[in-house]
Amino acid sequence: MKREGLILILSAPSGAGKTSLCRELFKIFPDMKESVSYTTRAPRAGEVEGEAYHFVTHEVFDGMVEEDAFAEWAEVHGNKYGTALRTLEEARKNGIDLVLDIDCQGALRLKEQFEGGVYVFIMPPSMEELRRRLEGRSSDAQEVIERRIARAADEIREARWYDYIIFNDDFEVACRELAAIVIAHRRKTFRMMEKVVKLFDI
């Protein structure tokens, strides 16, 4: 009996704090791994093949699409990004707990294609606070911020089909809540039986 890996899917509007929560999650659970997606875009300075992404040509990516090799994929600004089914299946089979940071559209495709994931939506405290955070970055033009605010409203409507919702109004509390979800799913009976069998020879 082999422990089944946990597949944790996180989504959130831009500015909700998902990236920061992911960083803390990996500190709390250093054995968790981040899913490495495939992309057709060129590597940026410092990006290493197999760490940030698997970098492939459009021809290779399209071939994988035709073979139904992706659990989900999307085209963004002319480049394609996708999560391979094999990545998820191997992680689950080998007892590896995997984190996927993907948008609502990709998460919904994944839910339709792949059974057994745990879906968590990170919610901002309010639209006003989300706007304050986005404007506080001072890195985006106002029109970009307005697009992200409009998109956030659409994404929040999608939260209804996620398994869990965490409000990130207090970062430490949100971290504890996310960790609690991981711990609860790690303690599911079907994930614990391998240890039980080994300890008690049953």
Protein backbone atom coordinates (compact mmCIF):
# COMPACT_ATOMS: atom_id res chain seq x y z
CA MET A 1 0.00 0.00 0.00
CA LYS A 2 1.56 3.27 -1.14
CA ARG A 3 0.61 6.66 0.29
CA GLU A 4 -1.18 8.76 -2.31
CA GLY A 5 0.22 12.22 -2.91
CA LEU A 6 -1.90 15.31 -2.25
CA ILE A 7 -2.59 17.61 -5.21
CA LEU A 8 -3.33 21.11 -3.86
CA ILE A 9 -4.67 23.70 -6.32
CA LEU A 10 -4.55 27.38 -5.33
CA SER A 11 -6.29 30.23 -7.17
CA ALA A 12 -6.79 33.90 -6.33
CA PRO A 13 -7.25 37.31 -7.92
CA SER A 14 -4.07 39.27 -8.53
CA GLY A 15 -3.18 41.07 -5.30
CA ALA A 16 -4.87 38.60 -2.94
CA GLY A 17 -1.52 37.36 -1.61
CA LYS A 18 -1.43 33.85 -3.08
CA THR A 19 2.29 33.96 -3.96
CA SER A 20 3.26 34.99 -0.42
CA LEU A 21 1.07 32.25 1.05
CA CYS A 22 2.68 29.68 -1.25
CA ARG A 23 6.14 30.73 -0.06
CA GLU A 24 5.09 30.27 3.57
CA LEU A 25 3.48 26.94 2.77
CA PHE A 26 6.78 25.60 1.43
CA LYS A 27 8.51 26.78 4.61
CA ILE A 28 5.99 24.96 6.79
CA PHE A 29 6.03 21.83 4.61
CA PRO A 30 9.48 21.68 2.97
CA ASP A 31 8.68 18.27 1.49
CA MET A 32 5.89 19.75 -0.65
CA LYS A 33 6.78 20.42 -4.28
CA GLU A 34 5.62 23.02 -6.76
CA SER A 35 4.18 21.68 -9.99
CA VAL A 36 6.38 22.53 -12.98
CA SER A 37 4.31 23.53 -16.00
CA TYR A 38 5.17 23.37 -19.69
CA THR A 39 5.44 26.58 -21.69
CA THR A 40 6.31 27.76 -25.18
CA ARG A 41 7.78 31.06 -24.01
CA ALA A 42 11.53 31.57 -23.97
CA PRO A 43 13.40 31.24 -20.64
CA ARG A 44 14.05 34.50 -18.82
CA ALA A 45 17.39 35.36 -17.25
CA GLY A 46 18.13 32.96 -14.41
CA GLU A 47 15.34 30.51 -15.22
CA VAL A 48 16.46 26.88 -15.31
CA GLU A 49 14.83 24.18 -17.39
CA GLY A 50 12.77 21.88 -15.21
CA GLU A 51 12.69 24.29 -12.26
CA ALA A 52 10.69 27.34 -13.35
CA TYR A 53 9.12 25.59 -16.35
CA HIS A 54 9.65 22.88 -18.91
CA PHE A 55 10.47 25.01 -21.97
CA VAL A 56 9.26 23.46 -25.23
CA THR A 57 8.57 24.54 -28.81
CA HIS A 58 5.08 25.29 -30.11
CA GLU A 59 5.29 22.09 -32.15
CA VAL A 60 6.05 19.97 -29.07
CA PHE A 61 3.34 21.69 -27.04
CA ASP A 62 0.72 21.28 -29.80
CA GLY A 63 1.68 17.61 -30.09
CA MET A 64 1.03 17.18 -26.37
CA VAL A 65 -2.36 18.87 -26.78
CA GLU A 66 -3.27 16.46 -29.58
CA GLU A 67 -2.23 13.52 -27.38
CA ASP A 68 -4.43 14.81 -24.50
CA ALA A 69 -1.26 15.01 -22.38
CA PHE A 70 -2.40 18.11 -20.48
CA ALA A 71 -4.76 18.21 -17.52
CA GLU A 72 -5.20 21.90 -18.34
CA TRP A 73 -3.60 24.41 -20.66
CA ALA A 74 -4.12 27.98 -21.84
CA GLU A 75 -2.67 30.56 -24.23
CA VAL A 76 -1.63 33.85 -22.65
CA HIS A 77 -0.19 36.74 -24.69
CA GLY A 78 0.80 34.41 -27.51
CA ASN A 79 2.51 31.83 -25.30
CA LYS A 80 1.03 28.54 -24.14
CA TYR A 81 1.16 27.13 -20.61
CA GLY A 82 0.00 23.71 -19.43
CA THR A 83 0.03 21.19 -16.61
CA ALA A 84 0.84 17.67 -17.78
CA LEU A 85 -1.41 14.87 -16.58
CA ARG A 86 1.69 12.73 -16.15
CA THR A 87 3.12 15.23 -13.63
CA LEU A 88 0.02 14.93 -11.46
CA GLU A 89 -0.38 11.18 -11.82
CA GLU A 90 3.27 10.46 -10.98
CA ALA A 91 3.16 12.75 -7.93
CA ARG A 92 0.02 11.07 -6.63
CA LYS A 93 1.39 7.58 -7.33
CA ASN A 94 4.74 8.31 -5.65
CA GLY A 95 3.30 9.98 -2.56
CA ILE A 96 4.52 13.48 -3.46
CA ASP A 97 2.41 16.41 -2.25
CA LEU A 98 2.18 18.90 -5.12
CA VAL A 99 1.06 22.54 -5.21
CA LEU A 100 -0.43 24.08 -8.36
CA ASP A 101 -0.74 27.86 -8.62
CA ILE A 102 -3.22 28.36 -11.47
CA ASP A 103 -6.07 30.68 -12.41
CA CYS A 104 -9.76 29.83 -12.14
CA GLN A 105 -10.11 28.89 -15.79
CA GLY A 106 -7.22 26.42 -15.57
CA ALA A 107 -8.44 25.08 -12.23
CA LEU A 108 -11.89 24.38 -13.65
CA ARG A 109 -10.39 22.52 -16.63
CA LEU A 110 -8.26 20.56 -14.19
CA LYS A 111 -11.27 19.65 -12.07
CA GLU A 112 -13.00 18.30 -15.18
CA GLN A 113 -9.97 16.27 -16.29
CA PHE A 114 -8.39 15.10 -13.04
CA GLU A 115 -9.98 13.52 -9.98
CA GLY A 116 -8.82 13.94 -6.42
CA GLY A 117 -7.39 17.47 -6.26
CA VAL A 118 -8.03 19.81 -3.32
CA TYR A 119 -9.12 23.26 -4.52
CA VAL A 120 -8.49 26.37 -2.40
CA PHE A 121 -9.49 29.92 -3.32
CA ILE A 122 -7.58 32.78 -1.67
CA MET A 123 -9.96 35.70 -1.18
CA PRO A 124 -8.95 39.35 -0.62
CA PRO A 125 -10.59 41.04 2.40
CA SER A 126 -12.60 43.33 0.11
CA MET A 127 -12.49 44.92 -3.33
CA GLU A 128 -11.36 48.16 -1.70
CA GLU A 129 -8.40 46.44 -0.06
CA LEU A 130 -7.57 44.64 -3.29
CA ARG A 131 -7.48 47.97 -5.14
CA ARG A 132 -5.27 49.45 -2.40
CA ARG A 133 -2.81 46.57 -2.71
CA LEU A 134 -2.67 46.75 -6.50
CA GLU A 135 -2.19 50.52 -6.50
CA GLY A 136 0.42 50.19 -3.76
CA ARG A 137 2.64 48.14 -6.04
CA SER A 138 3.32 51.26 -8.14
CA SER A 139 4.35 48.97 -10.99
CA ASP A 140 1.19 48.87 -13.12
CA ALA A 141 -0.56 51.53 -15.15
CA GLN A 142 -4.02 52.54 -13.91
CA GLU A 143 -5.69 50.86 -16.89
CA VAL A 144 -3.94 47.59 -16.00
CA ILE A 145 -5.16 47.91 -12.41
CA GLU A 146 -8.72 48.49 -13.61
CA ARG A 147 -8.55 45.37 -15.79
CA ARG A 148 -7.30 43.33 -12.83
CA ILE A 149 -10.08 44.67 -10.61
CA ALA A 150 -12.69 43.75 -13.23
CA ARG A 151 -11.17 40.31 -13.66
CA ALA A 152 -11.06 39.84 -9.88
CA ALA A 153 -14.83 40.28 -9.70
CA ASP A 154 -15.26 37.49 -12.28
CA GLU A 155 -12.77 35.24 -10.46
CA ILE A 156 -14.49 35.74 -7.08
CA ARG A 157 -17.74 34.50 -8.64
CA GLU A 158 -15.93 31.25 -9.49
CA ALA A 159 -14.99 30.62 -5.85
CA ARG A 160 -18.33 28.85 -5.27
CA TRP A 161 -17.07 25.54 -6.71
CA TYR A 162 -13.76 25.42 -4.80
CA ASP A 163 -13.45 23.10 -1.80
CA TYR A 164 -12.19 25.83 0.54
CA ILE A 165 -12.08 29.62 0.75
CA ILE A 166 -9.47 31.48 2.80
CA PHE A 167 -9.78 35.22 3.41
CA ASN A 168 -6.32 36.76 3.43
CA ASP A 169 -7.07 39.73 5.68
CA ASP A 170 -4.62 38.55 8.35
CA PHE A 171 -1.61 36.88 6.73
CA GLU A 172 -0.62 34.74 9.75
CA VAL A 173 -4.17 33.49 10.20
CA ALA A 174 -4.45 32.73 6.48
CA CYS A 175 -1.17 30.77 6.66
CA ARG A 176 -2.47 28.71 9.58
CA GLU A 177 -5.73 28.02 7.79
CA LEU A 178 -3.95 26.89 4.62
CA ALA A 179 -1.60 24.69 6.66
CA ALA A 180 -4.62 23.20 8.46
CA ILE A 181 -6.14 22.18 5.13
CA VAL A 182 -2.90 20.43 4.15
CA ILE A 183 -2.64 18.66 7.51
CA ALA A 184 -6.28 17.52 7.39
CA HIS A 185 -5.86 16.01 3.94
CA ARG A 186 -2.56 14.41 4.88
CA ARG A 187 -4.40 12.69 7.74
CA LYS A 188 -7.10 11.22 5.51
CA THR A 189 -7.41 7.51 6.27
CA PHE A 190 -6.36 6.39 2.81
CA ARG A 191 -3.13 8.39 3.12
CA MET A 192 -2.37 7.10 6.63
CA MET A 193 -2.94 3.39 6.09
CA GLU A 194 0.56 2.75 4.70
CA LYS A 195 2.02 3.90 8.03
CA VAL A 196 -0.58 1.97 10.01
CA VAL A 197 0.20 -1.24 8.12
CA LYS A 198 3.95 -0.83 8.68
CA LEU A 199 3.61 -0.05 12.39
CA PHE A 200 1.06 -2.67 13.32
CA ASP A 201 1.65 -5.36 10.68
CA ILE A 202 -2.01 -5.61 9.75
